[in-house]
Amino acid sequence: MKKKAGFNRYEHIRKAEEFRIVFRTGKSFANNYTVMYILDRKDGEKPRIGWVLSKKIGKANCRVRTKRLIREVFRLNKKRIKDGIDLVILPRKKITELENYTEMENMLLELWKEKMVLR
């Protein structure tokens, strides 16, 4: 039986201090849909992701859907992301124009590939 690609608590950033470290020392990149902070921890551990969604994105259901799509893109592509990377994603209002998972995945993978986050 094939092992599922799960998403556990060690693979996402939760603590405020961890977010602050990424914001202070990481590099920021942006496109029309999102702003992304990247921090190379240089510890060889698994990549981690965090997200910050403001009410500007939309109502709660829009924010939750956006969060789920981002998490799913990360979950299915985490083996392609370099080890020791912290990613924090701040979606912009325009991200609600992405209608399905495929569009979200293409947008994020293009940004990650451009910024050499992928192996």
N, C-alpha and C. Protein backbone atom coordinates (compact mmCIF):
# COMPACT_ATOMS: atom_id res chain seq x y z
N MET A 1 0.83 -1.18 0.00
CA MET A 1 0.00 0.00 0.00
C MET A 1 0.88 1.25 0.00
N LYS A 2 0.50 2.22 -0.80
CA LYS A 2 1.26 3.45 -0.93
C LYS A 2 1.00 4.37 0.26
N LYS A 3 2.06 4.97 0.77
CA LYS A 3 1.93 5.88 1.91
C LYS A 3 1.37 7.21 1.45
N LYS A 4 0.41 7.75 2.20
CA LYS A 4 -0.20 9.03 1.86
C LYS A 4 0.74 10.18 2.20
N ALA A 5 0.60 11.24 1.42
CA ALA A 5 1.35 12.45 1.71
C ALA A 5 0.54 13.26 2.71
N GLY A 6 0.85 13.13 3.98
CA GLY A 6 0.09 13.81 5.03
C GLY A 6 0.57 15.22 5.28
N PHE A 7 -0.07 15.86 6.20
CA PHE A 7 0.31 17.21 6.61
C PHE A 7 0.20 17.25 8.12
N ASN A 8 1.35 17.19 8.80
CA ASN A 8 1.29 17.14 10.25
C ASN A 8 1.72 18.47 10.87
N ARG A 9 1.65 18.55 12.17
CA ARG A 9 1.89 19.81 12.87
C ARG A 9 3.33 20.29 12.78
N TYR A 10 4.26 19.41 12.44
CA TYR A 10 5.66 19.83 12.32
C TYR A 10 5.95 20.47 10.97
N GLU A 11 5.00 20.43 10.07
CA GLU A 11 5.21 20.96 8.73
C GLU A 11 4.61 22.33 8.52
N HIS A 12 4.06 22.93 9.56
CA HIS A 12 3.62 24.30 9.39
C HIS A 12 4.01 25.17 10.57
N ILE A 13 4.13 26.44 10.27
CA ILE A 13 4.59 27.41 11.25
C ILE A 13 3.38 27.85 12.05
N ARG A 14 3.50 27.80 13.36
CA ARG A 14 2.36 28.12 14.22
C ARG A 14 2.64 29.27 15.18
N LYS A 15 3.83 29.31 15.73
CA LYS A 15 4.12 30.28 16.79
C LYS A 15 4.41 31.66 16.22
N ALA A 16 3.98 32.67 16.94
CA ALA A 16 4.17 34.05 16.51
C ALA A 16 5.66 34.37 16.36
N GLU A 17 6.48 33.84 17.25
CA GLU A 17 7.92 34.10 17.18
C GLU A 17 8.52 33.52 15.91
N GLU A 18 8.04 32.35 15.47
CA GLU A 18 8.54 31.77 14.22
C GLU A 18 8.16 32.63 13.02
N PHE A 19 6.93 33.17 13.05
CA PHE A 19 6.51 34.08 11.99
C PHE A 19 7.39 35.33 11.98
N ARG A 20 7.66 35.88 13.15
CA ARG A 20 8.50 37.08 13.26
C ARG A 20 9.89 36.85 12.68
N ILE A 21 10.46 35.69 12.98
CA ILE A 21 11.80 35.37 12.46
C ILE A 21 11.78 35.34 10.94
N VAL A 22 10.76 34.71 10.37
CA VAL A 22 10.68 34.64 8.90
C VAL A 22 10.48 36.04 8.32
N PHE A 23 9.62 36.85 8.93
CA PHE A 23 9.38 38.20 8.42
C PHE A 23 10.63 39.08 8.52
N ARG A 24 11.38 38.95 9.62
CA ARG A 24 12.56 39.78 9.83
C ARG A 24 13.75 39.37 8.96
N THR A 25 14.02 38.07 8.92
CA THR A 25 15.25 37.61 8.28
C THR A 25 15.04 36.96 6.92
N GLY A 26 13.81 36.62 6.58
CA GLY A 26 13.54 36.01 5.28
C GLY A 26 13.47 37.03 4.17
N LYS A 27 13.47 36.55 2.95
CA LYS A 27 13.36 37.41 1.78
C LYS A 27 11.92 37.38 1.29
N SER A 28 11.44 38.51 0.82
CA SER A 28 10.06 38.57 0.33
C SER A 28 10.03 38.66 -1.18
N PHE A 29 9.02 38.00 -1.74
CA PHE A 29 8.79 37.99 -3.17
C PHE A 29 7.29 38.11 -3.37
N ALA A 30 6.89 38.67 -4.50
CA ALA A 30 5.46 38.88 -4.71
C ALA A 30 5.08 38.68 -6.17
N ASN A 31 3.82 38.36 -6.37
CA ASN A 31 3.22 38.40 -7.69
C ASN A 31 1.84 39.04 -7.51
N ASN A 32 0.99 38.96 -8.50
CA ASN A 32 -0.32 39.60 -8.41
C ASN A 32 -1.22 38.98 -7.35
N TYR A 33 -0.98 37.74 -7.00
CA TYR A 33 -1.89 37.01 -6.11
C TYR A 33 -1.41 36.88 -4.68
N THR A 34 -0.12 36.96 -4.47
CA THR A 34 0.38 36.69 -3.12
C THR A 34 1.74 37.35 -2.88
N VAL A 35 2.04 37.52 -1.60
CA VAL A 35 3.37 37.92 -1.15
C VAL A 35 3.91 36.71 -0.40
N MET A 36 5.16 36.37 -0.65
CA MET A 36 5.73 35.18 -0.02
C MET A 36 7.06 35.53 0.62
N TYR A 37 7.25 35.07 1.84
CA TYR A 37 8.52 35.21 2.55
C TYR A 37 9.19 33.85 2.60
N ILE A 38 10.48 33.84 2.28
CA ILE A 38 11.24 32.59 2.27
C ILE A 38 12.42 32.74 3.21
N LEU A 39 12.59 31.75 4.09
CA LEU A 39 13.74 31.73 4.99
C LEU A 39 14.40 30.36 4.87
N ASP A 40 15.69 30.36 4.59
CA ASP A 40 16.45 29.11 4.54
C ASP A 40 17.04 28.88 5.93
N ARG A 41 16.51 27.90 6.65
CA ARG A 41 16.97 27.61 8.01
C ARG A 41 18.31 26.93 8.04
N LYS A 42 18.71 26.29 6.95
CA LYS A 42 20.00 25.59 6.84
C LYS A 42 20.16 24.49 7.87
N ASP A 43 19.05 23.87 8.28
CA ASP A 43 19.15 22.79 9.25
C ASP A 43 18.82 21.43 8.63
N GLY A 44 18.41 21.41 7.37
CA GLY A 44 18.14 20.15 6.70
C GLY A 44 16.85 19.47 7.11
N GLU A 45 16.05 20.13 7.93
CA GLU A 45 14.77 19.56 8.35
C GLU A 45 13.76 19.70 7.22
N LYS A 46 12.58 19.15 7.45
CA LYS A 46 11.51 19.23 6.45
C LYS A 46 11.10 20.68 6.22
N PRO A 47 10.63 20.99 5.00
CA PRO A 47 10.14 22.35 4.74
C PRO A 47 8.86 22.61 5.55
N ARG A 48 8.65 23.88 5.90
CA ARG A 48 7.46 24.26 6.67
C ARG A 48 6.75 25.40 5.97
N ILE A 49 5.46 25.53 6.22
CA ILE A 49 4.68 26.59 5.60
C ILE A 49 3.79 27.25 6.65
N GLY A 50 3.54 28.52 6.43
CA GLY A 50 2.62 29.28 7.25
C GLY A 50 1.87 30.23 6.35
N TRP A 51 0.74 30.71 6.81
CA TRP A 51 -0.05 31.64 6.01
C TRP A 51 -0.70 32.66 6.93
N VAL A 52 -0.90 33.85 6.39
CA VAL A 52 -1.57 34.93 7.12
C VAL A 52 -2.63 35.48 6.18
N LEU A 53 -3.88 35.30 6.53
CA LEU A 53 -4.99 35.76 5.70
C LEU A 53 -5.75 36.86 6.44
N SER A 54 -5.86 38.02 5.82
CA SER A 54 -6.58 39.11 6.44
C SER A 54 -8.03 39.10 5.97
N LYS A 55 -8.84 39.91 6.62
CA LYS A 55 -10.25 40.01 6.23
C LYS A 55 -10.44 40.68 4.88
N LYS A 56 -9.38 41.28 4.35
CA LYS A 56 -9.45 41.88 3.03
C LYS A 56 -9.67 40.82 1.95
N ILE A 57 -9.29 39.59 2.23
CA ILE A 57 -9.46 38.49 1.27
C ILE A 57 -10.95 38.26 0.99
N GLY A 58 -11.75 38.36 2.01
CA GLY A 58 -13.18 38.12 1.86
C GLY A 58 -13.75 37.58 3.15
N LYS A 59 -14.95 37.03 3.03
CA LYS A 59 -15.60 36.46 4.21
C LYS A 59 -14.88 35.19 4.63
N ALA A 60 -15.30 34.65 5.75
CA ALA A 60 -14.62 33.49 6.34
C ALA A 60 -14.54 32.32 5.37
N ASN A 61 -15.60 32.07 4.61
CA ASN A 61 -15.56 30.93 3.71
C ASN A 61 -14.51 31.11 2.61
N CYS A 62 -14.29 32.32 2.14
CA CYS A 62 -13.24 32.59 1.14
C CYS A 62 -11.86 32.37 1.75
N ARG A 63 -11.68 32.85 2.98
CA ARG A 63 -10.38 32.69 3.63
C ARG A 63 -10.07 31.22 3.91
N VAL A 64 -11.06 30.48 4.36
CA VAL A 64 -10.84 29.07 4.66
C VAL A 64 -10.54 28.29 3.38
N ARG A 65 -11.26 28.59 2.31
CA ARG A 65 -11.03 27.91 1.04
C ARG A 65 -9.63 28.21 0.53
N THR A 66 -9.22 29.46 0.62
CA THR A 66 -7.88 29.84 0.19
C THR A 66 -6.83 29.11 1.01
N LYS A 67 -7.02 29.07 2.31
CA LYS A 67 -6.07 28.37 3.19
C LYS A 67 -5.99 26.89 2.84
N ARG A 68 -7.12 26.27 2.59
CA ARG A 68 -7.13 24.85 2.25
C ARG A 68 -6.42 24.57 0.94
N LEU A 69 -6.62 25.43 -0.04
CA LEU A 69 -5.96 25.24 -1.34
C LEU A 69 -4.45 25.40 -1.20
N ILE A 70 -4.01 26.41 -0.45
CA ILE A 70 -2.57 26.60 -0.24
C ILE A 70 -1.97 25.39 0.47
N ARG A 71 -2.65 24.93 1.50
CA ARG A 71 -2.17 23.77 2.26
C ARG A 71 -2.09 22.52 1.39
N GLU A 72 -3.07 22.34 0.51
CA GLU A 72 -3.10 21.17 -0.36
C GLU A 72 -1.99 21.22 -1.39
N VAL A 73 -1.72 22.40 -1.95
CA VAL A 73 -0.61 22.53 -2.89
C VAL A 73 0.70 22.18 -2.20
N PHE A 74 0.88 22.69 -0.99
CA PHE A 74 2.09 22.37 -0.23
C PHE A 74 2.17 20.89 0.08
N ARG A 75 1.09 20.30 0.53
CA ARG A 75 1.07 18.89 0.92
C ARG A 75 1.45 17.98 -0.24
N LEU A 76 0.91 18.25 -1.41
CA LEU A 76 1.16 17.38 -2.56
C LEU A 76 2.51 17.64 -3.23
N ASN A 77 3.12 18.77 -2.95
CA ASN A 77 4.38 19.12 -3.61
C ASN A 77 5.54 19.28 -2.64
N LYS A 78 5.38 18.91 -1.37
CA LYS A 78 6.44 19.16 -0.40
C LYS A 78 7.71 18.36 -0.66
N LYS A 79 7.60 17.24 -1.36
CA LYS A 79 8.80 16.47 -1.68
C LYS A 79 9.66 17.18 -2.72
N ARG A 80 9.07 18.12 -3.45
CA ARG A 80 9.80 18.89 -4.46
C ARG A 80 10.46 20.13 -3.87
N ILE A 81 10.08 20.52 -2.64
CA ILE A 81 10.61 21.71 -2.00
C ILE A 81 11.90 21.35 -1.26
N LYS A 82 12.89 22.21 -1.35
CA LYS A 82 14.17 21.97 -0.69
C LYS A 82 13.97 21.84 0.82
N ASP A 83 14.82 21.04 1.45
CA ASP A 83 14.77 20.88 2.90
C ASP A 83 15.29 22.15 3.58
N GLY A 84 14.78 22.41 4.78
CA GLY A 84 15.23 23.54 5.57
C GLY A 84 14.64 24.88 5.15
N ILE A 85 13.55 24.86 4.41
CA ILE A 85 12.93 26.10 3.92
C ILE A 85 11.67 26.40 4.74
N ASP A 86 11.53 27.65 5.17
CA ASP A 86 10.28 28.13 5.76
C ASP A 86 9.61 29.06 4.76
N LEU A 87 8.34 28.82 4.49
CA LEU A 87 7.56 29.66 3.58
C LEU A 87 6.41 30.27 4.36
N VAL A 88 6.22 31.57 4.22
CA VAL A 88 5.04 32.24 4.78
C VAL A 88 4.35 32.93 3.62
N ILE A 89 3.09 32.62 3.44
CA ILE A 89 2.32 33.14 2.31
C ILE A 89 1.27 34.11 2.83
N LEU A 90 1.25 35.30 2.23
CA LEU A 90 0.25 36.32 2.53
C LEU A 90 -0.56 36.57 1.25
N PRO A 91 -1.70 35.92 1.11
CA PRO A 91 -2.49 36.10 -0.11
C PRO A 91 -3.05 37.51 -0.22
N ARG A 92 -3.15 37.98 -1.46
CA ARG A 92 -3.76 39.28 -1.74
C ARG A 92 -5.21 39.04 -2.14
N LYS A 93 -6.00 40.09 -2.18
CA LYS A 93 -7.42 39.98 -2.50
C LYS A 93 -7.66 39.31 -3.84
N LYS A 94 -6.78 39.52 -4.78
CA LYS A 94 -6.94 38.98 -6.13
C LYS A 94 -6.88 37.45 -6.15
N ILE A 95 -6.39 36.82 -5.09
CA ILE A 95 -6.28 35.36 -5.07
C ILE A 95 -7.65 34.68 -5.15
N THR A 96 -8.71 35.40 -4.78
CA THR A 96 -10.05 34.81 -4.86
C THR A 96 -10.49 34.62 -6.31
N GLU A 97 -9.78 35.23 -7.26
CA GLU A 97 -10.09 35.04 -8.67
C GLU A 97 -9.65 33.68 -9.18
N LEU A 98 -8.73 33.02 -8.48
CA LEU A 98 -8.31 31.68 -8.86
C LEU A 98 -9.45 30.73 -8.52
N GLU A 99 -9.98 30.08 -9.52
CA GLU A 99 -11.23 29.35 -9.33
C GLU A 99 -11.08 27.91 -8.85
N ASN A 100 -9.92 27.29 -9.07
CA ASN A 100 -9.81 25.90 -8.67
C ASN A 100 -8.39 25.58 -8.21
N TYR A 101 -8.22 24.34 -7.80
CA TYR A 101 -6.93 23.89 -7.27
C TYR A 101 -5.82 24.02 -8.31
N THR A 102 -6.11 23.66 -9.54
CA THR A 102 -5.09 23.67 -10.59
C THR A 102 -4.52 25.06 -10.80
N GLU A 103 -5.37 26.07 -10.82
CA GLU A 103 -4.88 27.44 -10.99
C GLU A 103 -4.02 27.87 -9.80
N MET A 104 -4.44 27.49 -8.59
CA MET A 104 -3.67 27.83 -7.39
C MET A 104 -2.31 27.11 -7.43
N GLU A 105 -2.32 25.85 -7.79
CA GLU A 105 -1.09 25.08 -7.86
C GLU A 105 -0.13 25.67 -8.90
N ASN A 106 -0.64 25.99 -10.08
CA ASN A 106 0.21 26.57 -11.12
C ASN A 106 0.83 27.88 -10.67
N MET A 107 0.03 28.72 -10.02
CA MET A 107 0.53 30.01 -9.55
C MET A 107 1.63 29.83 -8.50
N LEU A 108 1.40 28.98 -7.51
CA LEU A 108 2.39 28.79 -6.45
C LEU A 108 3.64 28.08 -6.96
N LEU A 109 3.48 27.05 -7.78
CA LEU A 109 4.65 26.34 -8.29
C LEU A 109 5.50 27.24 -9.19
N GLU A 110 4.85 28.09 -9.95
CA GLU A 110 5.59 29.04 -10.79
C GLU A 110 6.41 29.99 -9.93
N LEU A 111 5.81 30.50 -8.85
CA LEU A 111 6.52 31.40 -7.95
C LEU A 111 7.66 30.67 -7.24
N TRP A 112 7.40 29.45 -6.77
CA TRP A 112 8.43 28.67 -6.09
C TRP A 112 9.57 28.32 -7.03
N LYS A 113 9.24 27.96 -8.26
CA LYS A 113 10.27 27.61 -9.23
C LYS A 113 11.13 28.83 -9.56
N GLU A 114 10.48 29.97 -9.73
CA GLU A 114 11.19 31.21 -10.04
C GLU A 114 12.16 31.60 -8.93
N LYS A 115 11.77 31.37 -7.69
CA LYS A 115 12.60 31.75 -6.53
C LYS A 115 13.46 30.61 -6.05
N MET A 116 13.57 29.56 -6.82
CA MET A 116 14.42 28.40 -6.58
C MET A 116 14.16 27.73 -5.22
N VAL A 117 12.91 27.58 -4.90
CA VAL A 117 12.52 26.87 -3.69
C VAL A 117 12.42 25.38 -4.00
N LEU A 118 12.12 25.06 -5.25
CA LEU A 118 11.98 23.66 -5.66
C LEU A 118 13.35 23.05 -5.94
N ARG A 119 13.42 21.74 -5.77
CA ARG A 119 14.68 21.01 -6.04
C ARG A 119 14.92 20.93 -7.52
